[in-house]
N, C-alpha and C. Protein backbone atom coordinates (compact mmCIF):
# COMPACT_ATOMS: atom_id res chain seq x y z
N UNK A 1 201.71 196.15 207.84
CA UNK A 1 200.27 196.09 207.79
C UNK A 1 199.82 196.41 206.37
N UNK A 2 198.93 195.65 205.87
CA UNK A 2 198.39 195.89 204.55
C UNK A 2 196.98 196.43 204.71
N UNK A 3 196.76 197.70 204.33
CA UNK A 3 195.47 198.34 204.61
C UNK A 3 194.28 197.69 203.91
N UNK A 4 194.47 197.11 202.75
CA UNK A 4 193.35 196.55 202.00
C UNK A 4 193.53 195.06 201.74
N UNK A 5 194.25 194.37 202.59
CA UNK A 5 194.48 192.95 202.40
C UNK A 5 195.69 192.67 201.54
N UNK A 6 195.90 191.41 201.24
CA UNK A 6 197.05 191.01 200.44
C UNK A 6 196.86 191.43 198.99
N UNK A 7 197.99 191.70 198.29
CA UNK A 7 197.89 192.08 196.89
C UNK A 7 197.33 190.94 196.04
N UNK A 8 196.67 191.30 194.98
CA UNK A 8 196.15 190.32 194.02
C UNK A 8 196.74 190.64 192.65
N UNK A 9 196.51 189.76 191.71
CA UNK A 9 197.00 189.99 190.36
C UNK A 9 196.39 191.21 189.70
N UNK A 10 195.23 191.64 190.18
CA UNK A 10 194.56 192.81 189.60
C UNK A 10 195.13 194.12 190.12
N UNK A 11 195.93 194.07 191.19
CA UNK A 11 196.49 195.29 191.77
C UNK A 11 197.61 195.84 190.88
N UNK A 12 197.62 197.14 190.75
CA UNK A 12 198.66 197.80 189.97
C UNK A 12 199.94 197.83 190.79
N UNK A 13 201.07 197.39 190.21
CA UNK A 13 202.33 197.41 190.96
C UNK A 13 202.72 198.85 191.30
N UNK A 14 203.29 199.01 192.48
CA UNK A 14 203.73 200.33 192.93
C UNK A 14 205.20 200.27 193.28
N UNK A 15 205.90 201.32 193.00
CA UNK A 15 207.32 201.39 193.31
C UNK A 15 207.49 201.82 194.77
N UNK A 16 208.38 201.16 195.46
CA UNK A 16 208.69 201.53 196.84
C UNK A 16 210.03 202.25 196.82
N UNK A 17 210.07 203.41 197.40
CA UNK A 17 211.30 204.19 197.47
C UNK A 17 211.77 204.19 198.91
N UNK A 18 212.93 203.61 199.13
CA UNK A 18 213.49 203.59 200.48
C UNK A 18 214.12 204.95 200.76
N UNK A 19 214.01 205.36 202.01
CA UNK A 19 214.58 206.64 202.41
C UNK A 19 215.07 206.53 203.85
N UNK A 20 216.02 207.35 204.17
CA UNK A 20 216.51 207.41 205.55
C UNK A 20 215.82 208.53 206.31
N UNK A 21 214.89 209.22 205.64
CA UNK A 21 214.16 210.29 206.31
C UNK A 21 213.30 209.71 207.42
N UNK A 22 213.22 210.44 208.49
CA UNK A 22 212.35 210.02 209.60
C UNK A 22 211.42 211.16 209.95
N UNK A 23 210.38 210.82 210.64
CA UNK A 23 209.41 211.81 211.07
C UNK A 23 209.57 211.97 212.58
N UNK A 24 209.76 213.18 213.02
CA UNK A 24 209.91 213.44 214.45
C UNK A 24 208.64 213.03 215.19
N UNK A 25 208.80 212.57 216.43
CA UNK A 25 207.65 212.08 217.18
C UNK A 25 206.56 213.13 217.31
N UNK A 26 206.92 214.40 217.53
CA UNK A 26 205.89 215.42 217.67
C UNK A 26 205.11 215.61 216.36
N UNK A 27 205.79 215.48 215.23
CA UNK A 27 205.10 215.58 213.93
C UNK A 27 204.18 214.38 213.72
N UNK A 28 204.64 213.19 214.12
CA UNK A 28 203.81 212.00 214.01
C UNK A 28 202.57 212.13 214.88
N UNK A 29 202.76 212.59 216.11
CA UNK A 29 201.61 212.76 217.00
C UNK A 29 200.62 213.78 216.43
N UNK A 30 201.13 214.84 215.86
CA UNK A 30 200.26 215.85 215.25
C UNK A 30 199.48 215.25 214.08
N UNK A 31 200.17 214.45 213.26
CA UNK A 31 199.49 213.80 212.13
C UNK A 31 198.41 212.85 212.63
N UNK A 32 198.70 212.10 213.68
CA UNK A 32 197.75 211.12 214.19
C UNK A 32 196.50 211.76 214.78
N UNK A 33 196.58 213.04 215.13
CA UNK A 33 195.40 213.73 215.65
C UNK A 33 194.39 214.01 214.55
N UNK A 34 194.81 213.95 213.31
CA UNK A 34 193.93 214.17 212.16
C UNK A 34 193.14 215.47 212.27
N UNK A 35 193.81 216.61 212.07
CA UNK A 35 193.09 217.89 212.16
C UNK A 35 192.06 218.08 211.05
N UNK A 36 192.20 217.35 209.98
CA UNK A 36 191.26 217.48 208.86
C UNK A 36 190.25 216.34 208.90
N UNK A 37 189.09 216.53 208.31
CA UNK A 37 188.11 215.44 208.25
C UNK A 37 188.67 214.25 207.46
N UNK A 38 188.15 213.08 207.74
CA UNK A 38 188.58 211.88 207.03
C UNK A 38 188.28 212.02 205.55
N UNK A 39 189.19 211.56 204.73
CA UNK A 39 188.98 211.56 203.29
C UNK A 39 188.28 210.29 202.85
N UNK A 40 188.01 210.19 201.57
CA UNK A 40 187.31 209.03 201.02
C UNK A 40 188.09 207.76 201.36
N UNK A 41 187.40 206.81 201.95
CA UNK A 41 188.02 205.53 202.27
C UNK A 41 188.81 205.51 203.56
N UNK A 42 188.93 206.64 204.23
CA UNK A 42 189.68 206.68 205.48
C UNK A 42 188.76 206.45 206.66
N UNK A 43 189.31 205.82 207.69
CA UNK A 43 188.59 205.64 208.93
C UNK A 43 189.32 206.41 210.01
N UNK A 44 188.60 206.94 210.93
CA UNK A 44 189.19 207.66 212.04
C UNK A 44 188.59 207.15 213.34
N UNK A 45 189.32 207.27 214.39
CA UNK A 45 188.85 206.81 215.69
C UNK A 45 187.59 207.53 216.13
N UNK A 46 187.42 208.76 215.72
CA UNK A 46 186.27 209.53 216.20
C UNK A 46 185.04 209.37 215.31
N UNK A 47 185.07 208.43 214.38
CA UNK A 47 183.91 208.20 213.54
C UNK A 47 183.31 206.84 213.88
N UNK A 48 182.00 206.69 213.76
CA UNK A 48 181.41 205.38 214.06
C UNK A 48 182.04 204.30 213.20
N UNK A 49 182.49 203.25 213.85
CA UNK A 49 183.12 202.16 213.12
C UNK A 49 184.55 202.45 212.73
N UNK A 50 185.05 203.65 213.04
CA UNK A 50 186.42 204.01 212.71
C UNK A 50 187.40 203.24 213.56
N UNK A 51 188.63 203.25 213.20
CA UNK A 51 189.62 202.55 213.99
C UNK A 51 190.93 202.46 213.27
N UNK A 52 191.59 203.57 213.08
CA UNK A 52 192.87 203.57 212.41
C UNK A 52 193.87 202.77 213.23
N UNK A 53 194.44 201.75 212.63
CA UNK A 53 195.43 200.92 213.32
C UNK A 53 196.67 201.73 213.68
N UNK A 54 196.98 202.75 212.88
CA UNK A 54 198.14 203.59 213.19
C UNK A 54 197.93 204.30 214.52
N UNK A 55 196.72 204.74 214.77
CA UNK A 55 196.43 205.43 216.02
C UNK A 55 196.51 204.45 217.19
N UNK A 56 195.94 203.28 217.01
CA UNK A 56 195.98 202.28 218.08
C UNK A 56 197.41 201.90 218.39
N UNK A 57 198.17 201.52 217.38
CA UNK A 57 199.53 201.05 217.61
C UNK A 57 200.45 202.15 218.14
N UNK A 58 200.18 203.41 217.79
CA UNK A 58 201.03 204.49 218.30
C UNK A 58 200.92 204.61 219.82
N UNK A 59 199.79 204.20 220.39
CA UNK A 59 199.61 204.25 221.83
C UNK A 59 200.06 202.98 222.53
N UNK A 60 200.62 202.05 221.77
CA UNK A 60 201.11 200.80 222.36
C UNK A 60 202.61 200.63 222.18
N UNK A 61 203.27 201.67 221.69
CA UNK A 61 204.72 201.58 221.51
C UNK A 61 205.37 201.30 222.86
N UNK A 62 206.24 200.32 222.89
CA UNK A 62 206.96 200.00 224.11
C UNK A 62 206.33 198.90 224.94
N UNK A 63 205.18 198.36 224.52
CA UNK A 63 204.57 197.27 225.27
C UNK A 63 205.50 196.06 225.17
N UNK A 64 205.71 195.39 226.29
CA UNK A 64 206.57 194.21 226.32
C UNK A 64 205.74 192.97 226.02
N UNK A 65 206.20 192.21 225.04
CA UNK A 65 205.52 190.97 224.67
C UNK A 65 206.23 189.79 225.28
N UNK A 66 205.53 188.73 225.62
CA UNK A 66 204.09 188.54 225.49
C UNK A 66 203.34 189.45 226.45
N UNK A 67 202.13 189.85 226.05
CA UNK A 67 201.34 190.78 226.85
C UNK A 67 199.89 190.32 226.92
N UNK A 68 199.35 190.34 228.12
CA UNK A 68 197.93 190.02 228.31
C UNK A 68 197.09 191.22 227.87
N UNK A 69 195.81 191.00 227.74
CA UNK A 69 194.90 192.10 227.39
C UNK A 69 195.03 193.20 228.44
N UNK A 70 195.11 192.84 229.70
CA UNK A 70 195.21 193.84 230.77
C UNK A 70 196.50 194.64 230.66
N UNK A 71 197.59 193.98 230.28
CA UNK A 71 198.87 194.67 230.10
C UNK A 71 198.80 195.64 228.92
N UNK A 72 198.13 195.22 227.85
CA UNK A 72 197.94 196.09 226.68
C UNK A 72 197.13 197.32 227.07
N UNK A 73 196.05 197.11 227.81
CA UNK A 73 195.23 198.24 228.27
C UNK A 73 196.02 199.17 229.17
N UNK A 74 196.82 198.62 230.06
CA UNK A 74 197.63 199.45 230.97
C UNK A 74 198.64 200.28 230.19
N UNK A 75 199.26 199.68 229.18
CA UNK A 75 200.23 200.42 228.37
C UNK A 75 199.56 201.59 227.67
N UNK A 76 198.40 201.35 227.08
CA UNK A 76 197.68 202.41 226.38
C UNK A 76 197.26 203.51 227.35
N UNK A 77 196.79 203.11 228.53
CA UNK A 77 196.39 204.09 229.56
C UNK A 77 197.59 204.94 229.97
N UNK A 78 198.76 204.30 230.16
CA UNK A 78 199.97 205.03 230.54
C UNK A 78 200.40 206.04 229.49
N UNK A 79 200.04 205.77 228.24
CA UNK A 79 200.39 206.68 227.14
C UNK A 79 199.25 207.64 226.82
N UNK A 80 198.31 207.76 227.77
CA UNK A 80 197.18 208.70 227.62
C UNK A 80 196.41 208.49 226.32
N UNK A 81 196.14 207.23 226.01
CA UNK A 81 195.36 206.91 224.80
C UNK A 81 193.97 207.52 224.92
N UNK A 82 193.45 208.05 223.82
CA UNK A 82 192.10 208.63 223.85
C UNK A 82 191.05 207.55 224.09
N UNK A 83 189.86 207.99 224.47
CA UNK A 83 188.77 207.07 224.78
C UNK A 83 188.47 206.12 223.62
N UNK A 84 188.55 206.62 222.39
CA UNK A 84 188.24 205.79 221.23
C UNK A 84 189.24 204.63 221.09
N UNK A 85 190.50 204.89 221.39
CA UNK A 85 191.52 203.84 221.34
C UNK A 85 191.25 202.83 222.44
N UNK A 86 190.97 203.32 223.65
CA UNK A 86 190.70 202.43 224.78
C UNK A 86 189.48 201.56 224.48
N UNK A 87 188.48 202.13 223.85
CA UNK A 87 187.27 201.37 223.51
C UNK A 87 187.61 200.23 222.54
N UNK A 88 188.48 200.51 221.57
CA UNK A 88 188.91 199.48 220.63
C UNK A 88 189.64 198.36 221.38
N UNK A 89 190.54 198.74 222.28
CA UNK A 89 191.34 197.75 222.98
C UNK A 89 190.53 196.94 223.98
N UNK A 90 189.52 197.54 224.58
CA UNK A 90 188.66 196.80 225.52
C UNK A 90 187.91 195.67 224.83
N UNK A 91 187.73 195.78 223.54
CA UNK A 91 187.00 194.76 222.79
C UNK A 91 187.90 193.61 222.35
N UNK A 92 189.20 193.69 222.66
CA UNK A 92 190.10 192.59 222.33
C UNK A 92 189.68 191.33 223.08
N UNK A 93 189.95 190.17 222.50
CA UNK A 93 189.67 188.94 223.24
C UNK A 93 190.61 188.82 224.44
N UNK A 94 190.18 188.12 225.48
CA UNK A 94 191.05 187.86 226.62
C UNK A 94 192.07 186.82 226.16
N UNK A 95 193.27 187.29 225.86
CA UNK A 95 194.29 186.40 225.32
C UNK A 95 195.66 186.97 225.67
N UNK A 96 196.68 186.20 225.39
CA UNK A 96 198.05 186.68 225.50
C UNK A 96 198.53 186.97 224.09
N UNK A 97 199.01 188.18 223.88
CA UNK A 97 199.45 188.62 222.57
C UNK A 97 200.98 188.54 222.51
N UNK A 98 201.50 187.99 221.43
CA UNK A 98 202.94 187.81 221.31
C UNK A 98 203.60 188.87 220.43
N UNK A 99 202.78 189.69 219.77
CA UNK A 99 203.33 190.75 218.92
C UNK A 99 202.25 191.79 218.65
N UNK A 100 202.66 192.91 218.08
CA UNK A 100 201.71 193.96 217.70
C UNK A 100 200.75 193.42 216.64
N UNK A 101 201.25 192.52 215.79
CA UNK A 101 200.39 191.92 214.76
C UNK A 101 199.25 191.13 215.40
N UNK A 102 199.52 190.46 216.52
CA UNK A 102 198.46 189.74 217.22
C UNK A 102 197.38 190.70 217.71
N UNK A 103 197.79 191.86 218.21
CA UNK A 103 196.83 192.84 218.71
C UNK A 103 195.99 193.37 217.55
N UNK A 104 196.65 193.74 216.46
CA UNK A 104 195.94 194.25 215.29
C UNK A 104 194.97 193.19 214.77
N UNK A 105 195.42 191.95 214.74
CA UNK A 105 194.56 190.85 214.30
C UNK A 105 193.37 190.69 215.23
N UNK A 106 193.61 190.82 216.54
CA UNK A 106 192.52 190.72 217.52
C UNK A 106 191.49 191.80 217.34
N UNK A 107 191.93 193.00 217.00
CA UNK A 107 191.00 194.10 216.75
C UNK A 107 190.22 193.82 215.47
N UNK A 108 190.90 193.30 214.46
CA UNK A 108 190.26 193.02 213.18
C UNK A 108 189.25 191.90 213.26
N UNK A 109 189.44 190.94 214.18
CA UNK A 109 188.53 189.81 214.29
C UNK A 109 187.14 190.22 214.75
N UNK A 110 187.04 191.27 215.51
CA UNK A 110 185.72 191.66 216.00
C UNK A 110 185.09 192.56 214.99
């Protein structure tokens, strides 16, 4: 996922450092709760117009594709997704999604 769209010639190149380090699921869940207020340029599920894709996708891990909108909603419900995530997913078009990218794209289209 590219947070600000595709790179352009004006973008400053950044070095990517590969690592074998992983983040434990409990640490990831704690991070996704965002105990601190949103910083400049950040969106959060609990803010008007917010909608962090990381939060949405974290509640859809394990969904079997292809998946209907109803199947996506059921998966999120089974993972105790917060109301803000469910609200984002309810706004998806009635379609069959073939990947997580399709879901993210569906959320972005509205």
